[in-house]
Structures are given as C-alpha cells and as structure tokens.
Amino acid sequence: MKDDDDKWWFCLAHRRVEHGAGCPGKDRMGPYDSEEAAAGAFELARQRNEAWRRQDDDGD
C-alpha cells in the first residue's frame, strides 16, 4: 500500500523494526509513525492486553 511506504513496522519474523515496504503484513505489527514507536510494539501490546484483562475481570 502506497500510504504505508513512509510508516514504521515491527517485523515478528525477524524481530526488528522495518521502514516502508518490508515483510508481509501477516508478519508485522503496525504501522507506526516513528521508529521508536515501532520498537515499542511489544510493550504497547502488553499494556493493551493487561488493560483488556483488567476490564474483563471488572465485568465478571
């Protein structure tokens, strides 16, 4: 996708940050606006998962 050429991604297959076109989307997290944000992809996912877990626990 042309709009994503200037975005950053975290590649799950290679466990590294990629810029623009790279590995297939199924192997990437993103897109992110900066290299730093892409590098923090796992931490962001962890935080979101924890928030969802707390939300589910509060709903029971």
PDB file of N, CA and C in Angstrom:
ATOM      1  N   MET A   1       0.843  -1.172   0.000  1.00  0.00           N
ATOM      2  CA  MET A   1       0.000   0.000   0.000  1.00  0.00           C
ATOM      3  C   MET A   1       0.894   1.243   0.000  1.00  0.00           C
ATOM      4  N   LYS A   2       0.658   2.136  -0.901  1.00  0.00           N
ATOM      5  CA  LYS A   2       1.493   3.316  -1.073  1.00  0.00           C
ATOM      6  C   LYS A   2       1.518   4.214   0.163  1.00  0.00           C
ATOM      7  N   ASP A   3       0.384   4.353   0.866  1.00  0.00           N
ATOM      8  CA  ASP A   3       0.320   5.208   2.053  1.00  0.00           C
ATOM      9  C   ASP A   3       1.232   4.724   3.176  1.00  0.00           C
ATOM     10  N   ASP A   4       1.555   3.444   3.175  1.00  0.00           N
ATOM     11  CA  ASP A   4       2.375   2.871   4.237  1.00  0.00           C
ATOM     12  C   ASP A   4       3.867   2.924   3.937  1.00  0.00           C
ATOM     13  N   ASP A   5       4.257   3.454   2.786  1.00  0.00           N
ATOM     14  CA  ASP A   5       5.675   3.494   2.407  1.00  0.00           C
ATOM     15  C   ASP A   5       6.527   4.311   3.365  1.00  0.00           C
ATOM     16  N   ASP A   6       5.924   5.253   4.060  1.00  0.00           N
ATOM     17  CA  ASP A   6       6.688   6.100   4.977  1.00  0.00           C
ATOM     18  C   ASP A   6       6.421   5.736   6.438  1.00  0.00           C
ATOM     19  N   LYS A   7       5.815   4.593   6.679  1.00  0.00           N
ATOM     20  CA  LYS A   7       5.494   4.157   8.037  1.00  0.00           C
ATOM     21  C   LYS A   7       6.543   3.177   8.547  1.00  0.00           C
ATOM     22  N   TRP A   8       6.489   2.940   9.847  1.00  0.00           N
ATOM     23  CA  TRP A   8       7.401   2.018  10.523  1.00  0.00           C
ATOM     24  C   TRP A   8       6.629   0.809  11.013  1.00  0.00           C
ATOM     25  N   TRP A   9       7.282  -0.341  11.036  1.00  0.00           N
ATOM     26  CA  TRP A   9       6.663  -1.600  11.416  1.00  0.00           C
ATOM     27  C   TRP A   9       7.616  -2.382  12.313  1.00  0.00           C
ATOM     28  N   PHE A  10       7.056  -3.301  13.096  1.00  0.00           N
ATOM     29  CA  PHE A  10       7.899  -4.253  13.810  1.00  0.00           C
ATOM     30  C   PHE A  10       7.661  -5.604  13.178  1.00  0.00           C
ATOM     31  N   CYS A  11       8.728  -6.202  12.637  1.00  0.00           N
ATOM     32  CA  CYS A  11       8.638  -7.498  11.959  1.00  0.00           C
ATOM     33  C   CYS A  11       8.748  -8.603  13.001  1.00  0.00           C
ATOM     34  N   LEU A  12       7.714  -9.424  13.082  1.00  0.00           N
ATOM     35  CA  LEU A  12       7.692 -10.539  14.024  1.00  0.00           C
ATOM     36  C   LEU A  12       8.609 -11.671  13.574  1.00  0.00           C
ATOM     37  N   ALA A  13       8.776 -11.843  12.273  1.00  0.00           N
ATOM     38  CA  ALA A  13       9.619 -12.919  11.748  1.00  0.00           C
ATOM     39  C   ALA A  13      11.095 -12.662  12.042  1.00  0.00           C
ATOM     40  N   HIS A  14      11.513 -11.397  11.908  1.00  0.00           N
ATOM     41  CA  HIS A  14      12.926 -11.052  12.080  1.00  0.00           C
ATOM     42  C   HIS A  14      13.215 -10.350  13.405  1.00  0.00           C
ATOM     43  N   ARG A  15      12.114 -10.012  14.136  1.00  0.00           N
ATOM     44  CA  ARG A  15      12.218  -9.351  15.442  1.00  0.00           C
ATOM     45  C   ARG A  15      13.021  -8.062  15.365  1.00  0.00           C
ATOM     46  N   ARG A  16      12.644  -7.236  14.367  1.00  0.00           N
ATOM     47  CA  ARG A  16      13.310  -5.939  14.202  1.00  0.00           C
ATOM     48  C   ARG A  16      12.356  -4.937  13.564  1.00  0.00           C
ATOM     49  N   VAL A  17      12.716  -3.687  13.688  1.00  0.00           N
ATOM     50  CA  VAL A  17      11.947  -2.583  13.107  1.00  0.00           C
ATOM     51  C   VAL A  17      12.251  -2.498  11.617  1.00  0.00           C
ATOM     52  N   GLU A  18      11.199  -2.257  10.830  1.00  0.00           N
ATOM     53  CA  GLU A  18      11.335  -2.067   9.375  1.00  0.00           C
ATOM     54  C   GLU A  18      10.693  -0.750   8.999  1.00  0.00           C
ATOM     55  N   HIS A  19      11.210  -0.129   7.945  1.00  0.00           N
ATOM     56  CA  HIS A  19      10.652   1.124   7.435  1.00  0.00           C
ATOM     57  C   HIS A  19      10.126   0.889   6.035  1.00  0.00           C
ATOM     58  N   GLY A  20       8.889   1.313   5.786  1.00  0.00           N
ATOM     59  CA  GLY A  20       8.303   1.174   4.467  1.00  0.00           C
ATOM     60  C   GLY A  20       7.995  -0.276   4.118  1.00  0.00           C
ATOM     61  N   ALA A  21       8.038  -0.545   2.825  1.00  0.00           N
ATOM     62  CA  ALA A  21       7.746  -1.898   2.351  1.00  0.00           C
ATOM     63  C   ALA A  21       8.747  -2.873   2.955  1.00  0.00           C
ATOM     64  N   GLY A  22       8.257  -3.981   3.395  1.00  0.00           N
ATOM     65  CA  GLY A  22       9.121  -4.980   4.016  1.00  0.00           C
ATOM     66  C   GLY A  22       8.456  -6.332   3.965  1.00  0.00           C
ATOM     67  N   CYS A  23       8.508  -7.021   5.058  1.00  0.00           N
ATOM     68  CA  CYS A  23       7.912  -8.350   5.144  1.00  0.00           C
ATOM     69  C   CYS A  23       6.400  -8.260   4.978  1.00  0.00           C
ATOM     70  N   PRO A  24       5.758  -9.386   4.680  1.00  0.00           N
ATOM     71  CA  PRO A  24       4.294  -9.377   4.517  1.00  0.00           C
ATOM     72  C   PRO A  24       3.581  -8.899   5.781  1.00  0.00           C
ATOM     73  N   GLY A  25       2.431  -8.298   5.603  1.00  0.00           N
ATOM     74  CA  GLY A  25       1.670  -7.762   6.718  1.00  0.00           C
ATOM     75  C   GLY A  25       1.367  -8.783   7.800  1.00  0.00           C
ATOM     76  N   LYS A  26       1.216 -10.046   7.434  1.00  0.00           N
ATOM     77  CA  LYS A  26       0.911 -11.072   8.432  1.00  0.00           C
ATOM     78  C   LYS A  26       2.050 -11.264   9.417  1.00  0.00           C
ATOM     79  N   ASP A  27       3.238 -10.793   9.065  1.00  0.00           N
ATOM     80  CA  ASP A  27       4.416 -10.942   9.915  1.00  0.00           C
ATOM     81  C   ASP A  27       4.803  -9.653  10.627  1.00  0.00           C
ATOM     82  N   ARG A  28       3.928  -8.630  10.556  1.00  0.00           N
ATOM     83  CA  ARG A  28       4.322  -7.333  11.102  1.00  0.00           C
ATOM     84  C   ARG A  28       3.271  -6.762  12.027  1.00  0.00           C
ATOM     85  N   MET A  29       3.731  -5.944  12.966  1.00  0.00           N
ATOM     86  CA  MET A  29       2.862  -5.141  13.824  1.00  0.00           C
ATOM     87  C   MET A  29       3.016  -3.697  13.357  1.00  0.00           C
ATOM     88  N   GLY A  30       1.906  -2.994  13.256  1.00  0.00           N
ATOM     89  CA  GLY A  30       1.973  -1.614  12.832  1.00  0.00           C
ATOM     90  C   GLY A  30       0.853  -1.294  11.867  1.00  0.00           C
ATOM     91  N   PRO A  31       0.912  -0.174  11.232  1.00  0.00           N
ATOM     92  CA  PRO A  31       2.049   0.728  11.114  1.00  0.00           C
ATOM     93  C   PRO A  31       2.142   1.715  12.282  1.00  0.00           C
ATOM     94  N   TYR A  32       3.331   2.258  12.449  1.00  0.00           N
ATOM     95  CA  TYR A  32       3.630   3.265  13.456  1.00  0.00           C
ATOM     96  C   TYR A  32       4.223   4.479  12.758  1.00  0.00           C
ATOM     97  N   ASP A  33       4.079   5.638  13.400  1.00  0.00           N
ATOM     98  CA  ASP A  33       4.566   6.881  12.801  1.00  0.00           C
ATOM     99  C   ASP A  33       6.056   7.110  12.995  1.00  0.00           C
ATOM    100  N   SER A  34       6.675   6.366  13.926  1.00  0.00           N
ATOM    101  CA  SER A  34       8.098   6.576  14.173  1.00  0.00           C
ATOM    102  C   SER A  34       8.797   5.251  14.432  1.00  0.00           C
ATOM    103  N   GLU A  35      10.100   5.277  14.278  1.00  0.00           N
ATOM    104  CA  GLU A  35      10.914   4.096  14.560  1.00  0.00           C
ATOM    105  C   GLU A  35      10.807   3.719  16.040  1.00  0.00           C
ATOM    106  N   GLU A  36      10.794   4.722  16.905  1.00  0.00           N
ATOM    107  CA  GLU A  36      10.703   4.477  18.343  1.00  0.00           C
ATOM    108  C   GLU A  36       9.393   3.795  18.706  1.00  0.00           C
ATOM    109  N   ALA A  37       8.307   4.238  18.089  1.00  0.00           N
ATOM    110  CA  ALA A  37       7.004   3.622  18.360  1.00  0.00           C
ATOM    111  C   ALA A  37       6.988   2.171  17.895  1.00  0.00           C
ATOM    112  N   ALA A  38       7.556   1.902  16.733  1.00  0.00           N
ATOM    113  CA  ALA A  38       7.616   0.524  16.232  1.00  0.00           C
ATOM    114  C   ALA A  38       8.458  -0.346  17.152  1.00  0.00           C
ATOM    115  N   ALA A  39       9.548   0.205  17.671  1.00  0.00           N
ATOM    116  CA  ALA A  39      10.418  -0.553  18.573  1.00  0.00           C
ATOM    117  C   ALA A  39       9.688  -0.895  19.868  1.00  0.00           C
ATOM    118  N   GLY A  40       8.684  -0.110  20.240  1.00  0.00           N
ATOM    119  CA  GLY A  40       7.917  -0.356  21.446  1.00  0.00           C
ATOM    120  C   GLY A  40       6.643  -1.157  21.217  1.00  0.00           C
ATOM    121  N   ALA A  41       6.536  -1.806  20.077  1.00  0.00           N
ATOM    122  CA  ALA A  41       5.308  -2.506  19.714  1.00  0.00           C
ATOM    123  C   ALA A  41       4.920  -3.574  20.733  1.00  0.00           C
ATOM    124  N   PHE A  42       5.878  -4.371  21.194  1.00  0.00           N
ATOM    125  CA  PHE A  42       5.558  -5.424  22.152  1.00  0.00           C
ATOM    126  C   PHE A  42       5.100  -4.843  23.488  1.00  0.00           C
ATOM    127  N   GLU A  43       5.731  -3.786  23.939  1.00  0.00           N
ATOM    128  CA  GLU A  43       5.342  -3.165  25.207  1.00  0.00           C
ATOM    129  C   GLU A  43       3.936  -2.582  25.094  1.00  0.00           C
ATOM    130  N   LEU A  44       3.639  -1.935  23.986  1.00  0.00           N
ATOM    131  CA  LEU A  44       2.304  -1.387  23.772  1.00  0.00           C
ATOM    132  C   LEU A  44       1.266  -2.508  23.770  1.00  0.00           C
ATOM    133  N   ALA A  45       1.560  -3.609  23.093  1.00  0.00           N
ATOM    134  CA  ALA A  45       0.645  -4.755  23.060  1.00  0.00           C
ATOM    135  C   ALA A  45       0.457  -5.318  24.469  1.00  0.00           C
ATOM    136  N   ARG A  46       1.523  -5.404  25.250  1.00  0.00           N
ATOM    137  CA  ARG A  46       1.431  -5.908  26.618  1.00  0.00           C
ATOM    138  C   ARG A  46       0.521  -5.014  27.461  1.00  0.00           C
ATOM    139  N   GLN A  47       0.699  -3.710  27.338  1.00  0.00           N
ATOM    140  CA  GLN A  47      -0.115  -2.766  28.096  1.00  0.00           C
ATOM    141  C   GLN A  47      -1.589  -2.877  27.714  1.00  0.00           C
ATOM    142  N   ARG A  48      -1.860  -2.973  26.424  1.00  0.00           N
ATOM    143  CA  ARG A  48      -3.251  -3.095  25.971  1.00  0.00           C
ATOM    144  C   ARG A  48      -3.866  -4.407  26.445  1.00  0.00           C
ATOM    145  N   ASN A  49      -3.110  -5.490  26.355  1.00  0.00           N
ATOM    146  CA  ASN A  49      -3.621  -6.779  26.824  1.00  0.00           C
ATOM    147  C   ASN A  49      -3.940  -6.736  28.308  1.00  0.00           C
ATOM    148  N   GLU A  50      -3.077  -6.120  29.088  1.00  0.00           N
ATOM    149  CA  GLU A  50      -3.309  -6.005  30.529  1.00  0.00           C
ATOM    150  C   GLU A  50      -4.551  -5.164  30.811  1.00  0.00           C
ATOM    151  N   ALA A  51      -4.728  -4.078  30.095  1.00  0.00           N
ATOM    152  CA  ALA A  51      -5.918  -3.237  30.276  1.00  0.00           C
ATOM    153  C   ALA A  51      -7.187  -4.010  29.924  1.00  0.00           C
ATOM    154  N   TRP A  52      -7.149  -4.787  28.845  1.00  0.00           N
ATOM    155  CA  TRP A  52      -8.313  -5.594  28.455  1.00  0.00           C
ATOM    156  C   TRP A  52      -8.589  -6.673  29.499  1.00  0.00           C
ATOM    157  N   ARG A  53      -7.525  -7.258  30.034  1.00  0.00           N
ATOM    158  CA  ARG A  53      -7.676  -8.278  31.068  1.00  0.00           C
ATOM    159  C   ARG A  53      -8.351  -7.686  32.325  1.00  0.00           C
ATOM    160  N   ARG A  54      -7.904  -6.504  32.725  1.00  0.00           N
ATOM    161  CA  ARG A  54      -8.498  -5.834  33.881  1.00  0.00           C
ATOM    162  C   ARG A  54      -9.961  -5.492  33.602  1.00  0.00           C
ATOM    163  N   GLN A  55     -10.248  -5.030  32.386  1.00  0.00           N
ATOM    164  CA  GLN A  55     -11.615  -4.700  32.006  1.00  0.00           C
ATOM    165  C   GLN A  55     -12.495  -5.950  32.062  1.00  0.00           C
ATOM    166  N   ASP A  56     -12.004  -7.076  31.578  1.00  0.00           N
ATOM    167  CA  ASP A  56     -12.756  -8.326  31.624  1.00  0.00           C
ATOM    168  C   ASP A  56     -12.989  -8.771  33.061  1.00  0.00           C
ATOM    169  N   ASP A  57     -11.962  -8.622  33.917  1.00  0.00           N
ATOM    170  CA  ASP A  57     -12.099  -9.015  35.316  1.00  0.00           C
ATOM    171  C   ASP A  57     -13.136  -8.147  36.026  1.00  0.00           C
ATOM    172  N   ASP A  58     -13.195  -6.867  35.684  1.00  0.00           N
ATOM    173  CA  ASP A  58     -14.159  -5.948  36.299  1.00  0.00           C
ATOM    174  C   ASP A  58     -15.585  -6.257  35.858  1.00  0.00           C
ATOM    175  N   GLY A  59     -15.730  -6.845  34.686  1.00  0.00           N
ATOM    176  CA  GLY A  59     -17.048  -7.153  34.142  1.00  0.00           C
ATOM    177  C   GLY A  59     -17.654  -8.427  34.694  1.00  0.00           C
ATOM    178  N   ASP A  60     -16.862  -9.252  35.361  1.00  0.00           N
ATOM    179  CA  ASP A  60     -17.383 -10.541  35.882  1.00  0.00           C
ATOM    180  C   ASP A  60     -18.146 -10.382  37.155  1.00  0.00           C
TER     181      ASP A  60
END
